[in-house]
Amino acid sequence: MAATSASIELARLAAEAADAKQADDLVALDVSGPLPLTDVFLLASGRNERNVIAIADEIQDRLIAAGVKPIRREGLSEGRWVLLDFGDIVVHVFHEEDRLYYSLERLWKDCPVVPLQVSAGSQSDSDV
């Protein structure tokens, strides 16, 4: 089973919001096969706790404005790993160090990557 087009569009909207707050290393994974509860994981990194919280807040605000309310939110007070569960998508906003430590991309390496097509700014010039 593949992620629905609606889930992919929500992930893109969330990625655009994250990009607007200078999130790094945006990756969306189609986890609909192994996880029956959600379609897409969106992973993003922030450079410090304040940046992580700002990214998470922007994602939440934009998705609420689009009519999608979070089911669950965790980690906002610490700003190290914020989880935003919107049902069809789950957003993980990590502090850079925590993202390396937990390495969700490695855990879900068999899941297909969802192309995000976020505007320039989500990748640095050295990534090109």
Protein backbone atom coordinates (compact mmCIF):
# COMPACT_ATOMS: atom_id res chain seq x y z
CA MET A 1 0.00 0.00 0.00
CA ALA A 2 1.31 3.46 -0.86
CA ALA A 3 0.77 6.79 0.85
CA THR A 4 -2.33 8.62 -0.35
CA SER A 5 -2.00 11.75 -2.47
CA ALA A 6 -3.67 13.73 0.35
CA SER A 7 -1.00 12.55 2.81
CA ILE A 8 1.77 13.44 0.39
CA GLU A 9 0.30 16.92 -0.08
CA LEU A 10 0.13 17.40 3.71
CA ALA A 11 3.76 16.32 3.98
CA ARG A 12 4.71 18.85 1.29
CA LEU A 13 2.81 21.60 3.11
CA ALA A 14 4.56 20.68 6.35
CA ALA A 15 7.92 20.62 4.55
CA GLU A 16 7.31 24.10 3.12
CA ALA A 17 6.51 25.36 6.63
CA ALA A 18 9.68 23.75 7.99
CA ASP A 19 11.73 25.23 5.17
CA ALA A 20 10.33 28.69 5.98
CA LYS A 21 11.96 28.38 9.43
CA GLN A 22 15.31 27.20 8.03
CA ALA A 23 14.88 23.49 8.76
CA ASP A 24 17.69 21.32 7.46
CA ASP A 25 17.72 17.89 5.83
CA LEU A 26 14.02 17.49 5.07
CA VAL A 27 13.13 13.87 4.31
CA ALA A 28 9.69 12.30 3.85
CA LEU A 29 9.29 8.53 4.07
CA ASP A 30 6.30 6.51 2.92
CA VAL A 31 5.72 4.28 5.96
CA SER A 32 2.22 3.16 4.93
CA GLY A 33 3.41 -0.40 4.25
CA PRO A 34 4.82 -1.32 7.66
CA LEU A 35 2.66 1.11 9.69
CA PRO A 36 -1.11 0.87 9.31
CA LEU A 37 -1.69 3.98 11.45
CA THR A 38 0.01 6.63 9.30
CA ASP A 39 1.19 7.18 5.73
CA VAL A 40 4.19 9.52 5.89
CA PHE A 41 6.95 10.41 8.32
CA LEU A 42 8.43 13.86 7.71
CA LEU A 43 11.86 14.35 9.28
CA ALA A 44 13.46 17.75 9.74
CA SER A 45 16.40 19.12 11.72
CA GLY A 46 16.92 22.35 13.60
CA ARG A 47 20.26 23.80 14.67
CA ASN A 48 19.27 24.46 18.28
CA GLU A 49 16.31 24.06 20.64
CA ARG A 50 14.81 27.43 19.75
CA ASN A 51 14.98 26.60 16.02
CA VAL A 52 13.40 23.16 16.59
CA ILE A 53 10.46 24.74 18.45
CA ALA A 54 10.03 27.46 15.80
CA ILE A 55 9.97 24.83 13.03
CA ALA A 56 7.42 22.71 14.89
CA ASP A 57 5.22 25.74 15.65
CA GLU A 58 5.24 26.84 12.00
CA ILE A 59 4.32 23.36 10.78
CA GLN A 60 1.50 23.13 13.30
CA ASP A 61 0.18 26.61 12.43
CA ARG A 62 0.16 25.94 8.68
CA LEU A 63 -1.52 22.58 8.95
CA ILE A 64 -4.15 23.94 11.34
CA ALA A 65 -4.77 26.77 8.84
CA ALA A 66 -5.26 24.05 6.19
CA GLY A 67 -7.88 22.40 8.40
CA VAL A 68 -5.75 19.62 9.89
CA LYS A 69 -5.46 19.54 13.67
CA PRO A 70 -2.75 17.65 15.52
CA ILE A 71 -3.85 14.51 17.30
CA ARG A 72 -0.82 14.52 19.55
CA ARG A 73 2.19 16.74 20.27
CA GLU A 74 5.25 15.80 22.27
CA GLY A 75 8.60 17.37 23.06
CA LEU A 76 7.76 21.06 22.58
CA SER A 77 8.98 22.00 26.04
CA GLU A 78 12.45 20.48 25.54
CA GLY A 79 13.01 21.35 21.88
CA ARG A 80 15.21 18.32 21.21
CA TRP A 81 12.77 16.00 19.38
CA VAL A 82 9.29 17.32 18.67
CA LEU A 83 6.71 14.86 17.41
CA LEU A 84 3.56 16.19 15.75
CA ASP A 85 0.98 13.53 14.91
CA PHE A 86 -1.58 14.65 12.34
CA GLY A 87 -2.97 11.18 11.67
CA ASP A 88 -2.02 10.67 8.03
CA ILE A 89 1.41 12.19 8.60
CA VAL A 90 3.72 12.27 11.60
CA VAL A 91 6.32 15.02 11.74
CA HIS A 92 9.59 14.56 13.62
CA VAL A 93 11.57 17.76 14.19
CA PHE A 94 14.96 16.96 15.68
CA HIS A 95 17.87 18.87 17.11
CA GLU A 96 20.76 17.92 14.78
CA GLU A 97 22.50 15.85 17.48
CA ASP A 98 19.37 13.90 18.38
CA ARG A 99 18.62 13.14 14.74
CA LEU A 100 22.04 11.58 14.33
CA TYR A 101 21.63 9.61 17.55
CA TYR A 102 18.16 8.18 16.82
CA SER A 103 18.77 7.78 13.07
CA LEU A 104 15.17 7.17 12.01
CA GLU A 105 16.24 7.10 8.37
CA ARG A 106 18.30 4.00 9.15
CA LEU A 107 15.42 2.36 11.02
CA TRP A 108 13.02 3.00 8.12
CA LYS A 109 15.57 2.54 5.30
CA ASP A 110 13.33 0.07 3.45
CA CYS A 111 10.56 2.65 3.08
CA PRO A 112 10.37 4.69 -0.13
CA VAL A 113 11.33 8.35 -0.02
CA VAL A 114 8.52 10.76 -0.92
CA PRO A 115 9.70 13.58 -3.20
CA LEU A 116 8.96 16.90 -1.51
CA GLN A 117 9.82 19.49 -4.18
CA VAL A 118 10.31 22.19 -1.56
CA SER A 119 11.56 25.55 -2.77
CA ALA A 120 15.29 26.24 -2.74
CA GLY A 121 16.54 26.90 0.73
CA SER A 122 16.06 23.45 2.22
CA GLN A 123 19.44 22.43 0.81
CA SER A 124 22.68 24.29 1.16
CA ASP A 125 24.85 25.05 -1.86
CA SER A 126 27.30 22.39 -0.71
CA ASP A 127 24.61 19.72 -1.10
CA VAL A 128 24.15 20.42 -4.81
